[in-house]
């Protein structure tokens, strides 16, 4: 069942690949490309779901660290989207790599602030 699904999807992508005049004709979509793309879409969906969950939890509890966690998940979604656009249109611009690195740094900083707790002063 899974093989027939991949075969149909692969044939569709192969037909679309040949219709694209800006693409290299030697570049053929394989099953590995389809699986990798499906996993990327699943990860992006999960990061969107986790963003929604973190925002919902922040609204219910008011814990300020959840703002940073939600921001980190949304930055991760932006990271995946930018990476997919770079793969799809095959830009050879180094500014995309710099942009992706800045987003990854932002994700790490947001997760750092998301896990830090404020100490209460005991007098």
PDB file of N, CA and C in Angstrom:
ATOM      1  N   UNK A   1       0.832  -1.194   0.000  1.00  0.00           N
ATOM      2  CA  UNK A   1       0.000   0.000   0.000  1.00  0.00           C
ATOM      3  C   UNK A   1       0.871   1.250   0.000  1.00  0.00           C
ATOM      4  N   UNK A   2       1.878   1.276   0.885  1.00  0.00           N
ATOM      5  CA  UNK A   2       2.764   2.430   0.997  1.00  0.00           C
ATOM      6  C   UNK A   2       3.587   2.597  -0.274  1.00  0.00           C
ATOM      7  N   UNK A   3       4.018   1.466  -0.855  1.00  0.00           N
ATOM      8  CA  UNK A   3       4.806   1.511  -2.084  1.00  0.00           C
ATOM      9  C   UNK A   3       3.979   2.074  -3.238  1.00  0.00           C
ATOM     10  N   UNK A   4       2.725   1.701  -3.337  1.00  0.00           N
ATOM     11  CA  UNK A   4       1.889   2.212  -4.421  1.00  0.00           C
ATOM     12  C   UNK A   4       1.634   3.712  -4.240  1.00  0.00           C
ATOM     13  N   UNK A   5       1.477   4.136  -2.995  1.00  0.00           N
ATOM     14  CA  UNK A   5       1.299   5.567  -2.713  1.00  0.00           C
ATOM     15  C   UNK A   5       2.537   6.345  -3.133  1.00  0.00           C
ATOM     16  N   UNK A   6       3.714   5.834  -2.759  1.00  0.00           N
ATOM     17  CA  UNK A   6       4.962   6.495  -3.142  1.00  0.00           C
ATOM     18  C   UNK A   6       5.152   6.488  -4.648  1.00  0.00           C
ATOM     19  N   UNK A   7       4.737   5.422  -5.296  1.00  0.00           N
ATOM     20  CA  UNK A   7       4.875   5.333  -6.749  1.00  0.00           C
ATOM     21  C   UNK A   7       4.021   6.389  -7.445  1.00  0.00           C
ATOM     22  N   UNK A   8       2.794   6.558  -6.993  1.00  0.00           N
ATOM     23  CA  UNK A   8       1.907   7.565  -7.585  1.00  0.00           C
ATOM     24  C   UNK A   8       2.458   8.961  -7.359  1.00  0.00           C
ATOM     25  N   UNK A   9       2.868   9.243  -6.130  1.00  0.00           N
ATOM     26  CA  UNK A   9       3.423  10.564  -5.808  1.00  0.00           C
ATOM     27  C   UNK A   9       4.699  10.803  -6.612  1.00  0.00           C
ATOM     28  N   UNK A  10       5.538   9.793  -6.714  1.00  0.00           N
ATOM     29  CA  UNK A  10       6.777   9.918  -7.472  1.00  0.00           C
ATOM     30  C   UNK A  10       6.508  10.217  -8.936  1.00  0.00           C
ATOM     31  N   UNK A  11       5.518   9.536  -9.514  1.00  0.00           N
ATOM     32  CA  UNK A  11       5.186   9.803 -10.918  1.00  0.00           C
ATOM     33  C   UNK A  11       4.657  11.216 -11.112  1.00  0.00           C
ATOM     34  N   UNK A  12       3.880  11.700 -10.162  1.00  0.00           N
ATOM     35  CA  UNK A  12       3.375  13.070 -10.255  1.00  0.00           C
ATOM     36  C   UNK A  12       4.527  14.060 -10.199  1.00  0.00           C
ATOM     37  N   UNK A  13       5.442  13.857  -9.245  1.00  0.00           N
ATOM     38  CA  UNK A  13       6.577  14.763  -9.133  1.00  0.00           C
ATOM     39  C   UNK A  13       7.499  14.678 -10.339  1.00  0.00           C
ATOM     40  N   UNK A  14       7.645  13.491 -10.906  1.00  0.00           N
ATOM     41  CA  UNK A  14       8.463  13.359 -12.108  1.00  0.00           C
ATOM     42  C   UNK A  14       7.861  14.141 -13.264  1.00  0.00           C
ATOM     43  N   UNK A  15       6.538  14.086 -13.406  1.00  0.00           N
ATOM     44  CA  UNK A  15       5.888  14.842 -14.471  1.00  0.00           C
ATOM     45  C   UNK A  15       6.035  16.339 -14.240  1.00  0.00           C
ATOM     46  N   UNK A  16       5.874  16.769 -13.010  1.00  0.00           N
ATOM     47  CA  UNK A  16       6.035  18.185 -12.704  1.00  0.00           C
ATOM     48  C   UNK A  16       7.474  18.631 -12.901  1.00  0.00           C
ATOM     49  N   UNK A  17       8.411  17.746 -12.611  1.00  0.00           N
ATOM     50  CA  UNK A  17       9.821  18.074 -12.757  1.00  0.00           C
ATOM     51  C   UNK A  17      10.171  18.319 -14.221  1.00  0.00           C
ATOM     52  N   UNK A  18       9.583  17.560 -15.118  1.00  0.00           N
ATOM     53  CA  UNK A  18       9.881  17.741 -16.540  1.00  0.00           C
ATOM     54  C   UNK A  18       9.190  18.965 -17.120  1.00  0.00           C
ATOM     55  N   UNK A  19       8.130  19.460 -16.474  1.00  0.00           N
ATOM     56  CA  UNK A  19       7.427  20.634 -16.956  1.00  0.00           C
ATOM     57  C   UNK A  19       8.103  21.932 -16.548  1.00  0.00           C
ATOM     58  N   UNK A  20       8.997  21.878 -15.590  1.00  0.00           N
ATOM     59  CA  UNK A  20       9.657  23.070 -15.089  1.00  0.00           C
ATOM     60  C   UNK A  20      10.822  23.440 -16.004  1.00  0.00           C
ATOM     61  N   UNK A  21      10.737  24.524 -16.764  1.00  0.00           N
ATOM     62  CA  UNK A  21      11.804  24.851 -17.703  1.00  0.00           C
ATOM     63  C   UNK A  21      13.057  25.389 -17.029  1.00  0.00           C
ATOM     64  N   UNK A  22      12.953  25.814 -15.770  1.00  0.00           N
ATOM     65  CA  UNK A  22      14.106  26.391 -15.097  1.00  0.00           C
ATOM     66  C   UNK A  22      14.915  25.350 -14.338  1.00  0.00           C
ATOM     67  N   UNK A  23      14.450  24.139 -14.331  1.00  0.00           N
ATOM     68  CA  UNK A  23      15.102  23.080 -13.581  1.00  0.00           C
ATOM     69  C   UNK A  23      16.043  22.301 -14.494  1.00  0.00           C
ATOM     70  N   UNK A  24      17.035  21.718 -13.888  1.00  0.00           N
ATOM     71  CA  UNK A  24      17.972  20.884 -14.620  1.00  0.00           C
ATOM     72  C   UNK A  24      17.279  19.577 -14.989  1.00  0.00           C
ATOM     73  N   UNK A  25      17.243  19.182 -16.272  1.00  0.00           N
ATOM     74  CA  UNK A  25      16.548  17.949 -16.654  1.00  0.00           C
ATOM     75  C   UNK A  25      17.182  16.696 -16.053  1.00  0.00           C
ATOM     76  N   UNK A  26      18.437  16.771 -15.654  1.00  0.00           N
ATOM     77  CA  UNK A  26      19.093  15.602 -15.064  1.00  0.00           C
ATOM     78  C   UNK A  26      18.668  15.397 -13.617  1.00  0.00           C
ATOM     79  N   UNK A  27      18.057  16.410 -13.025  1.00  0.00           N
ATOM     80  CA  UNK A  27      17.625  16.323 -11.634  1.00  0.00           C
ATOM     81  C   UNK A  27      16.272  15.615 -11.574  1.00  0.00           C
ATOM     82  N   UNK A  28      16.263  14.386 -11.106  1.00  0.00           N
ATOM     83  CA  UNK A  28      15.047  13.585 -11.064  1.00  0.00           C
ATOM     84  C   UNK A  28      14.654  13.380  -9.606  1.00  0.00           C
ATOM     85  N   UNK A  29      13.385  13.526  -9.325  1.00  0.00           N
ATOM     86  CA  UNK A  29      12.866  13.343  -7.975  1.00  0.00           C
ATOM     87  C   UNK A  29      12.834  11.846  -7.668  1.00  0.00           C
ATOM     88  N   UNK A  30      13.441  11.468  -6.554  1.00  0.00           N
ATOM     89  CA  UNK A  30      13.475  10.065  -6.152  1.00  0.00           C
ATOM     90  C   UNK A  30      12.545   9.847  -4.969  1.00  0.00           C
ATOM     91  N   UNK A  31      12.404   8.591  -4.582  1.00  0.00           N
ATOM     92  CA  UNK A  31      11.577   8.286  -3.415  1.00  0.00           C
ATOM     93  C   UNK A  31      12.182   8.875  -2.154  1.00  0.00           C
ATOM     94  N   UNK A  32      13.497   8.947  -2.088  1.00  0.00           N
ATOM     95  CA  UNK A  32      14.139   9.563  -0.924  1.00  0.00           C
ATOM     96  C   UNK A  32      13.777  11.038  -0.816  1.00  0.00           C
ATOM     97  N   UNK A  33      13.693  11.724  -1.958  1.00  0.00           N
ATOM     98  CA  UNK A  33      13.290  13.129  -1.943  1.00  0.00           C
ATOM     99  C   UNK A  33      11.863  13.284  -1.441  1.00  0.00           C
ATOM    100  N   UNK A  34      11.003  12.384  -1.858  1.00  0.00           N
ATOM    101  CA  UNK A  34       9.597  12.449  -1.444  1.00  0.00           C
ATOM    102  C   UNK A  34       9.471  12.168   0.046  1.00  0.00           C
ATOM    103  N   UNK A  35      10.213  11.184   0.532  1.00  0.00           N
ATOM    104  CA  UNK A  35      10.174  10.856   1.959  1.00  0.00           C
ATOM    105  C   UNK A  35      10.735  12.007   2.778  1.00  0.00           C
ATOM    106  N   UNK A  36      11.860  12.578   2.327  1.00  0.00           N
ATOM    107  CA  UNK A  36      12.457  13.701   3.054  1.00  0.00           C
ATOM    108  C   UNK A  36      11.512  14.896   3.066  1.00  0.00           C
ATOM    109  N   UNK A  37      10.848  15.167   1.954  1.00  0.00           N
ATOM    110  CA  UNK A  37       9.886  16.262   1.907  1.00  0.00           C
ATOM    111  C   UNK A  37       8.697  16.016   2.807  1.00  0.00           C
ATOM    112  N   UNK A  38       8.235  14.772   2.857  1.00  0.00           N
ATOM    113  CA  UNK A  38       7.104  14.430   3.727  1.00  0.00           C
ATOM    114  C   UNK A  38       7.469  14.589   5.198  1.00  0.00           C
ATOM    115  N   UNK A  39       8.680  14.192   5.549  1.00  0.00           N
ATOM    116  CA  UNK A  39       9.130  14.340   6.933  1.00  0.00           C
ATOM    117  C   UNK A  39       9.255  15.822   7.290  1.00  0.00           C
ATOM    118  N   UNK A  40       9.757  16.626   6.363  1.00  0.00           N
ATOM    119  CA  UNK A  40       9.871  18.063   6.610  1.00  0.00           C
ATOM    120  C   UNK A  40       8.502  18.696   6.808  1.00  0.00           C
ATOM    121  N   UNK A  41       7.533  18.301   5.999  1.00  0.00           N
ATOM    122  CA  UNK A  41       6.166  18.821   6.157  1.00  0.00           C
ATOM    123  C   UNK A  41       5.590  18.387   7.502  1.00  0.00           C
ATOM    124  N   UNK A  42       5.843  17.137   7.911  1.00  0.00           N
ATOM    125  CA  UNK A  42       5.350  16.654   9.203  1.00  0.00           C
ATOM    126  C   UNK A  42       5.994  17.432  10.352  1.00  0.00           C
ATOM    127  N   UNK A  43       7.286  17.707  10.247  1.00  0.00           N
ATOM    128  CA  UNK A  43       7.980  18.468  11.299  1.00  0.00           C
ATOM    129  C   UNK A  43       7.434  19.894  11.359  1.00  0.00           C
ATOM    130  N   UNK A  44       7.188  20.496  10.200  1.00  0.00           N
ATOM    131  CA  UNK A  44       6.633  21.852  10.177  1.00  0.00           C
ATOM    132  C   UNK A  44       5.235  21.863  10.791  1.00  0.00           C
ATOM    133  N   UNK A  45       4.438  20.858  10.480  1.00  0.00           N
ATOM    134  CA  UNK A  45       3.108  20.759  11.086  1.00  0.00           C
ATOM    135  C   UNK A  45       3.177  20.601  12.587  1.00  0.00           C
ATOM    136  N   UNK A  46       4.120  19.786  13.048  1.00  0.00           N
ATOM    137  CA  UNK A  46       4.298  19.597  14.486  1.00  0.00           C
ATOM    138  C   UNK A  46       4.752  20.891  15.155  1.00  0.00           C
ATOM    139  N   UNK A  47       5.643  21.634  14.510  1.00  0.00           N
ATOM    140  CA  UNK A  47       6.104  22.883  15.120  1.00  0.00           C
ATOM    141  C   UNK A  47       4.975  23.918  15.166  1.00  0.00           C
ATOM    142  N   UNK A  48       4.111  23.928  14.161  1.00  0.00           N
ATOM    143  CA  UNK A  48       2.946  24.823  14.203  1.00  0.00           C
ATOM    144  C   UNK A  48       2.010  24.404  15.335  1.00  0.00           C
ATOM    145  N   UNK A  49       1.769  23.101  15.468  1.00  0.00           N
ATOM    146  CA  UNK A  49       0.926  22.586  16.547  1.00  0.00           C
ATOM    147  C   UNK A  49       1.508  22.939  17.917  1.00  0.00           C
ATOM    148  N   UNK A  50       2.828  22.784  18.083  1.00  0.00           N
ATOM    149  CA  UNK A  50       3.462  23.101  19.361  1.00  0.00           C
ATOM    150  C   UNK A  50       3.415  24.604  19.648  1.00  0.00           C
ATOM    151  N   UNK A  51       3.508  25.426  18.604  1.00  0.00           N
ATOM    152  CA  UNK A  51       3.365  26.870  18.782  1.00  0.00           C
ATOM    153  C   UNK A  51       1.981  27.204  19.318  1.00  0.00           C
ATOM    154  N   UNK A  52       0.962  26.608  18.709  1.00  0.00           N
ATOM    155  CA  UNK A  52      -0.420  26.842  19.149  1.00  0.00           C
ATOM    156  C   UNK A  52      -0.612  26.366  20.589  1.00  0.00           C
ATOM    157  N   UNK A  53      -0.048  25.209  20.919  1.00  0.00           N
ATOM    158  CA  UNK A  53      -0.161  24.684  22.286  1.00  0.00           C
ATOM    159  C   UNK A  53       0.536  25.598  23.297  1.00  0.00           C
ATOM    160  N   UNK A  54       1.717  26.122  22.946  1.00  0.00           N
ATOM    161  CA  UNK A  54       2.443  27.002  23.859  1.00  0.00           C
ATOM    162  C   UNK A  54       1.701  28.320  24.059  1.00  0.00           C
ATOM    163  N   UNK A  55       1.130  28.874  22.986  1.00  0.00           N
ATOM    164  CA  UNK A  55       0.348  30.112  23.114  1.00  0.00           C
ATOM    165  C   UNK A  55      -0.886  29.867  23.970  1.00  0.00           C
ATOM    166  N   UNK A  56      -1.534  28.737  23.742  1.00  0.00           N
ATOM    167  CA  UNK A  56      -2.722  28.399  24.533  1.00  0.00           C
ATOM    168  C   UNK A  56      -2.373  28.228  26.008  1.00  0.00           C
ATOM    169  N   UNK A  57      -1.259  27.563  26.281  1.00  0.00           N
ATOM    170  CA  UNK A  57      -0.833  27.378  27.673  1.00  0.00           C
ATOM    171  C   UNK A  57      -0.471  28.715  28.318  1.00  0.00           C
ATOM    172  N   UNK A  58       0.145  29.620  27.538  1.00  0.00           N
ATOM    173  CA  UNK A  58       0.481  30.940  28.082  1.00  0.00           C
ATOM    174  C   UNK A  58      -0.783  31.720  28.438  1.00  0.00           C
ATOM    175  N   UNK A  59      -1.792  31.639  27.575  1.00  0.00           N
ATOM    176  CA  UNK A  59      -3.039  32.353  27.851  1.00  0.00           C
ATOM    177  C   UNK A  59      -3.735  31.808  29.087  1.00  0.00           C
ATOM    178  N   UNK A  60      -3.637  30.504  29.302  1.00  0.00           N
ATOM    179  CA  UNK A  60      -4.300  29.903  30.466  1.00  0.00           C
ATOM    180  C   UNK A  60      -3.536  30.145  31.756  1.00  0.00           C
ATOM    181  N   UNK A  61      -2.205  30.049  31.701  1.00  0.00           N
ATOM    182  CA  UNK A  61      -1.416  30.120  32.934  1.00  0.00           C
ATOM    183  C   UNK A  61      -0.762  31.470  33.166  1.00  0.00           C
ATOM    184  N   UNK A  62      -0.401  32.172  32.099  1.00  0.00           N
ATOM    185  CA  UNK A  62       0.279  33.454  32.261  1.00  0.00           C
ATOM    186  C   UNK A  62       1.752  33.327  32.586  1.00  0.00           C
ATOM    187  N   UNK A  63       2.322  32.138  32.460  1.00  0.00           N
ATOM    188  CA  UNK A  63       3.749  31.929  32.728  1.00  0.00           C
ATOM    189  C   UNK A  63       4.545  32.575  31.603  1.00  0.00           C
ATOM    190  N   UNK A  64       5.405  33.525  31.963  1.00  0.00           N
ATOM    191  CA  UNK A  64       6.092  34.317  30.938  1.00  0.00           C
ATOM    192  C   UNK A  64       7.078  33.502  30.103  1.00  0.00           C
ATOM    193  N   UNK A  65       7.607  32.419  30.648  1.00  0.00           N
ATOM    194  CA  UNK A  65       8.559  31.604  29.888  1.00  0.00           C
ATOM    195  C   UNK A  65       7.903  30.969  28.661  1.00  0.00           C
ATOM    196  N   UNK A  66       6.612  30.771  28.706  1.00  0.00           N
ATOM    197  CA  UNK A  66       5.923  30.150  27.579  1.00  0.00           C
ATOM    198  C   UNK A  66       5.910  31.051  26.345  1.00  0.00           C
ATOM    199  N   UNK A  67       6.041  32.366  26.537  1.00  0.00           N
ATOM    200  CA  UNK A  67       6.158  33.272  25.393  1.00  0.00           C
ATOM    201  C   UNK A  67       7.408  32.941  24.589  1.00  0.00           C
ATOM    202  N   UNK A  68       8.509  32.698  25.297  1.00  0.00           N
ATOM    203  CA  UNK A  68       9.765  32.384  24.618  1.00  0.00           C
ATOM    204  C   UNK A  68       9.703  31.027  23.924  1.00  0.00           C
ATOM    205  N   UNK A  69       9.048  30.070  24.540  1.00  0.00           N
ATOM    206  CA  UNK A  69       8.905  28.749  23.938  1.00  0.00           C
ATOM    207  C   UNK A  69       8.054  28.846  22.667  1.00  0.00           C
ATOM    208  N   UNK A  70       6.961  29.595  22.715  1.00  0.00           N
ATOM    209  CA  UNK A  70       6.117  29.776  21.531  1.00  0.00           C
ATOM    210  C   UNK A  70       6.885  30.482  20.420  1.00  0.00           C
ATOM    211  N   UNK A  71       7.675  31.474  20.783  1.00  0.00           N
ATOM    212  CA  UNK A  71       8.484  32.177  19.795  1.00  0.00           C
ATOM    213  C   UNK A  71       9.519  31.251  19.173  1.00  0.00           C
ATOM    214  N   UNK A  72      10.113  30.376  19.985  1.00  0.00           N
ATOM    215  CA  UNK A  72      11.099  29.428  19.463  1.00  0.00           C
ATOM    216  C   UNK A  72      10.462  28.467  18.463  1.00  0.00           C
ATOM    217  N   UNK A  73       9.283  27.964  18.786  1.00  0.00           N
ATOM    218  CA  UNK A  73       8.603  27.059  17.857  1.00  0.00           C
ATOM    219  C   UNK A  73       8.202  27.771  16.565  1.00  0.00           C
ATOM    220  N   UNK A  74       7.749  29.010  16.683  1.00  0.00           N
ATOM    221  CA  UNK A  74       7.378  29.738  15.467  1.00  0.00           C
ATOM    222  C   UNK A  74       8.611  30.079  14.632  1.00  0.00           C
ATOM    223  N   UNK A  75       9.729  30.387  15.277  1.00  0.00           N
ATOM    224  CA  UNK A  75      10.975  30.605  14.538  1.00  0.00           C
ATOM    225  C   UNK A  75      11.424  29.331  13.833  1.00  0.00           C
ATOM    226  N   UNK A  76      11.198  28.195  14.464  1.00  0.00           N
ATOM    227  CA  UNK A  76      11.553  26.929  13.835  1.00  0.00           C
ATOM    228  C   UNK A  76      10.698  26.687  12.592  1.00  0.00           C
ATOM    229  N   UNK A  77       9.426  27.069  12.643  1.00  0.00           N
ATOM    230  CA  UNK A  77       8.564  26.956  11.468  1.00  0.00           C
ATOM    231  C   UNK A  77       9.075  27.859  10.348  1.00  0.00           C
ATOM    232  N   UNK A  78       9.473  29.068  10.696  1.00  0.00           N
ATOM    233  CA  UNK A  78      10.043  29.991   9.710  1.00  0.00           C
ATOM    234  C   UNK A  78      11.335  29.424   9.138  1.00  0.00           C
ATOM    235  N   UNK A  79      12.150  28.806   9.989  1.00  0.00           N
ATOM    236  CA  UNK A  79      13.393  28.180   9.544  1.00  0.00           C
ATOM    237  C   UNK A  79      13.119  27.095   8.507  1.00  0.00           C
ATOM    238  N   UNK A  80      12.171  26.220   8.798  1.00  0.00           N
ATOM    239  CA  UNK A  80      11.850  25.144   7.863  1.00  0.00           C
ATOM    240  C   UNK A  80      11.275  25.679   6.557  1.00  0.00           C
ATOM    241  N   UNK A  81      10.437  26.694   6.645  1.00  0.00           N
ATOM    242  CA  UNK A  81       9.851  27.283   5.445  1.00  0.00           C
ATOM    243  C   UNK A  81      10.925  27.915   4.569  1.00  0.00           C
ATOM    244  N   UNK A  82      11.831  28.653   5.175  1.00  0.00           N
ATOM    245  CA  UNK A  82      12.917  29.282   4.430  1.00  0.00           C
ATOM    246  C   UNK A  82      13.822  28.240   3.794  1.00  0.00           C
ATOM    247  N   UNK A  83      14.118  27.181   4.527  1.00  0.00           N
ATOM    248  CA  UNK A  83      14.953  26.113   3.988  1.00  0.00           C
ATOM    249  C   UNK A  83      14.261  25.412   2.814  1.00  0.00           C
ATOM    250  N   UNK A  84      12.947  25.210   2.911  1.00  0.00           N
ATOM    251  CA  UNK A  84      12.202  24.583   1.816  1.00  0.00           C
ATOM    252  C   UNK A  84      12.179  25.487   0.587  1.00  0.00           C
ATOM    253  N   UNK A  85      12.020  26.783   0.784  1.00  0.00           N
ATOM    254  CA  UNK A  85      12.033  27.725  -0.338  1.00  0.00           C
ATOM    255  C   UNK A  85      13.403  27.721  -1.003  1.00  0.00           C
ATOM    256  N   UNK A  86      14.453  27.653  -0.189  1.00  0.00           N
ATOM    257  CA  UNK A  86      15.814  27.612  -0.737  1.00  0.00           C
ATOM    258  C   UNK A  86      16.026  26.338  -1.557  1.00  0.00           C
ATOM    259  N   UNK A  87      15.495  25.213  -1.096  1.00  0.00           N
ATOM    260  CA  UNK A  87      15.606  23.961  -1.840  1.00  0.00           C
ATOM    261  C   UNK A  87      14.777  23.984  -3.112  1.00  0.00           C
ATOM    262  N   UNK A  88      13.586  24.558  -3.019  1.00  0.00           N
ATOM    263  CA  UNK A  88      12.663  24.558  -4.149  1.00  0.00           C
ATOM    264  C   UNK A  88      13.166  25.425  -5.289  1.00  0.00           C
ATOM    265  N   UNK A  89      13.669  26.598  -4.973  1.00  0.00           N
ATOM    266  CA  UNK A  89      14.098  27.530  -6.010  1.00  0.00           C
ATOM    267  C   UNK A  89      15.601  27.515  -6.235  1.00  0.00           C
ATOM    268  N   UNK A  90      16.330  26.722  -5.484  1.00  0.00           N
ATOM    269  CA  UNK A  90      17.788  26.544  -5.601  1.00  0.00           C
ATOM    270  C   UNK A  90      18.542  27.865  -5.740  1.00  0.00           C
ATOM    271  N   UNK A  91      18.386  28.721  -4.729  1.00  0.00           N
ATOM    272  CA  UNK A  91      19.164  29.954  -4.680  1.00  0.00           C
ATOM    273  C   UNK A  91      20.575  29.629  -4.224  1.00  0.00           C
ATOM    274  N   UNK A  92      21.542  30.242  -4.854  1.00  0.00           N
ATOM    275  CA  UNK A  92      22.934  30.057  -4.443  1.00  0.00           C
ATOM    276  C   UNK A  92      23.447  31.297  -3.734  1.00  0.00           C
ATOM    277  N   UNK A  93      22.578  31.909  -2.977  1.00  0.00           N
ATOM    278  CA  UNK A  93      22.907  33.144  -2.295  1.00  0.00           C
ATOM    279  C   UNK A  93      23.310  32.825  -0.853  1.00  0.00           C
ATOM    280  N   UNK A  94      24.415  33.396  -0.410  1.00  0.00           N
ATOM    281  CA  UNK A  94      24.880  33.145   0.958  1.00  0.00           C
ATOM    282  C   UNK A  94      24.028  33.860   1.998  1.00  0.00           C
ATOM    283  N   UNK A  95      23.216  34.814   1.575  1.00  0.00           N
ATOM    284  CA  UNK A  95      22.383  35.529   2.538  1.00  0.00           C
ATOM    285  C   UNK A  95      21.335  34.599   3.151  1.00  0.00           C
ATOM    286  N   UNK A  96      20.902  33.575   2.400  1.00  0.00           N
ATOM    287  CA  UNK A  96      19.957  32.604   2.964  1.00  0.00           C
ATOM    288  C   UNK A  96      20.617  31.813   4.083  1.00  0.00           C
ATOM    289  N   UNK A  97      21.870  31.433   3.888  1.00  0.00           N
ATOM    290  CA  UNK A  97      22.576  30.691   4.931  1.00  0.00           C
ATOM    291  C   UNK A  97      22.761  31.546   6.180  1.00  0.00           C
ATOM    292  N   UNK A  98      23.066  32.828   5.981  1.00  0.00           N
ATOM    293  CA  UNK A  98      23.195  33.740   7.118  1.00  0.00           C
ATOM    294  C   UNK A  98      21.857  33.903   7.818  1.00  0.00           C
ATOM    295  N   UNK A  99      20.781  34.048   7.049  1.00  0.00           N
ATOM    296  CA  UNK A  99      19.437  34.181   7.608  1.00  0.00           C
ATOM    297  C   UNK A  99      19.057  32.950   8.416  1.00  0.00           C
ATOM    298  N   UNK A 100      19.354  31.761   7.874  1.00  0.00           N
ATOM    299  CA  UNK A 100      19.051  30.518   8.594  1.00  0.00           C
ATOM    300  C   UNK A 100      19.867  30.405   9.877  1.00  0.00           C
ATOM    301  N   UNK A 101      21.107  30.846   9.840  1.00  0.00           N
ATOM    302  CA  UNK A 101      21.943  30.801  11.043  1.00  0.00           C
ATOM    303  C   UNK A 101      21.425  31.756  12.112  1.00  0.00           C
ATOM    304  N   UNK A 102      20.977  32.934  11.703  1.00  0.00           N
ATOM    305  CA  UNK A 102      20.426  33.904  12.657  1.00  0.00           C
ATOM    306  C   UNK A 102      19.138  33.355  13.272  1.00  0.00           C
ATOM    307  N   UNK A 103      18.303  32.712  12.455  1.00  0.00           N
ATOM    308  CA  UNK A 103      17.073  32.118  12.990  1.00  0.00           C
ATOM    309  C   UNK A 103      17.410  31.009  13.990  1.00  0.00           C
ATOM    310  N   UNK A 104      18.391  30.173  13.667  1.00  0.00           N
ATOM    311  CA  UNK A 104      18.773  29.097  14.593  1.00  0.00           C
ATOM    312  C   UNK A 104      19.301  29.675  15.901  1.00  0.00           C
ATOM    313  N   UNK A 105      20.068  30.750  15.829  1.00  0.00           N
ATOM    314  CA  UNK A 105      20.543  31.411  17.046  1.00  0.00           C
ATOM    315  C   UNK A 105      19.362  31.945  17.856  1.00  0.00           C
ATOM    316  N   UNK A 106      18.386  32.535  17.170  1.00  0.00           N
ATOM    317  CA  UNK A 106      17.189  33.026  17.853  1.00  0.00           C
ATOM    318  C   UNK A 106      16.416  31.905  18.538  1.00  0.00           C
ATOM    319  N   UNK A 107      16.341  30.751  17.877  1.00  0.00           N
ATOM    320  CA  UNK A 107      15.658  29.595  18.473  1.00  0.00           C
ATOM    321  C   UNK A 107      16.355  29.171  19.756  1.00  0.00           C
ATOM    322  N   UNK A 108      17.672  29.080  19.712  1.00  0.00           N
ATOM    323  CA  UNK A 108      18.423  28.670  20.909  1.00  0.00           C
ATOM    324  C   UNK A 108      18.273  29.676  22.045  1.00  0.00           C
ATOM    325  N   UNK A 109      18.327  30.957  21.714  1.00  0.00           N
ATOM    326  CA  UNK A 109      18.171  31.985  22.749  1.00  0.00           C
ATOM    327  C   UNK A 109      16.765  31.932  23.362  1.00  0.00           C
ATOM    328  N   UNK A 110      15.762  31.748  22.516  1.00  0.00           N
ATOM    329  CA  UNK A 110      14.388  31.658  23.029  1.00  0.00           C
ATOM    330  C   UNK A 110      14.205  30.443  23.932  1.00  0.00           C
ATOM    331  N   UNK A 111      14.763  29.304  23.531  1.00  0.00           N
ATOM    332  CA  UNK A 111      14.653  28.134  24.399  1.00  0.00           C
ATOM    333  C   UNK A 111      15.423  28.341  25.713  1.00  0.00           C
ATOM    334  N   UNK A 112      16.554  29.037  25.651  1.00  0.00           N
ATOM    335  CA  UNK A 112      17.306  29.321  26.870  1.00  0.00           C
ATOM    336  C   UNK A 112      16.467  30.154  27.833  1.00  0.00           C
ATOM    337  N   UNK A 113      15.870  31.248  27.327  1.00  0.00           N
ATOM    338  CA  UNK A 113      15.040  32.078  28.190  1.00  0.00           C
ATOM    339  C   UNK A 113      13.755  31.364  28.601  1.00  0.00           C
ATOM    340  N   UNK A 114      13.311  30.415  27.788  1.00  0.00           N
ATOM    341  CA  UNK A 114      12.114  29.664  28.118  1.00  0.00           C
ATOM    342  C   UNK A 114      12.310  28.687  29.265  1.00  0.00           C
ATOM    343  N   UNK A 115      13.542  28.186  29.435  1.00  0.00           N
ATOM    344  CA  UNK A 115      13.777  27.231  30.517  1.00  0.00           C
ATOM    345  C   UNK A 115      14.338  27.880  31.773  1.00  0.00           C
ATOM    346  N   UNK A 116      14.749  29.145  31.682  1.00  0.00           N
ATOM    347  CA  UNK A 116      15.270  29.835  32.861  1.00  0.00           C
ATOM    348  C   UNK A 116      14.120  30.194  33.796  1.00  0.00           C
ATOM    349  N   UNK A 117      14.359  30.067  35.062  1.00  0.00           N
ATOM    350  CA  UNK A 117      13.348  30.433  36.057  1.00  0.00           C
ATOM    351  C   UNK A 117      13.883  31.578  36.909  1.00  0.00           C
ATOM    352  N   UNK A 118      12.977  32.445  37.284  1.00  0.00           N
ATOM    353  CA  UNK A 118      13.351  33.544  38.159  1.00  0.00           C
ATOM    354  C   UNK A 118      13.382  33.040  39.594  1.00  0.00           C
ATOM    355  N   UNK A 119      14.423  33.422  40.299  1.00  0.00           N
ATOM    356  CA  UNK A 119      14.494  33.058  41.711  1.00  0.00           C
ATOM    357  C   UNK A 119      13.717  34.084  42.524  1.00  0.00           C
ATOM    358  N   UNK A 120      12.953  33.586  43.464  1.00  0.00           N
ATOM    359  CA  UNK A 120      12.228  34.486  44.357  1.00  0.00           C
ATOM    360  C   UNK A 120      13.119  34.822  45.533  1.00  0.00           C
ATOM    361  N   UNK A 121      13.128  36.089  45.896  1.00  0.00           N
ATOM    362  CA  UNK A 121      13.927  36.527  47.032  1.00  0.00           C
ATOM    363  C   UNK A 121      13.223  36.155  48.335  1.00  0.00           C
ATOM    364  N   UNK A 122      13.943  35.424  49.147  1.00  0.00           N
ATOM    365  CA  UNK A 122      13.413  35.063  50.459  1.00  0.00           C
ATOM    366  C   UNK A 122      14.092  35.956  51.491  1.00  0.00           C
ATOM    367  N   UNK A 123      13.301  36.797  52.139  1.00  0.00           N
ATOM    368  CA  UNK A 123      13.857  37.734  53.123  1.00  0.00           C
ATOM    369  C   UNK A 123      13.660  37.205  54.508  1.00  0.00           C
TER     370      UNK A 123
END
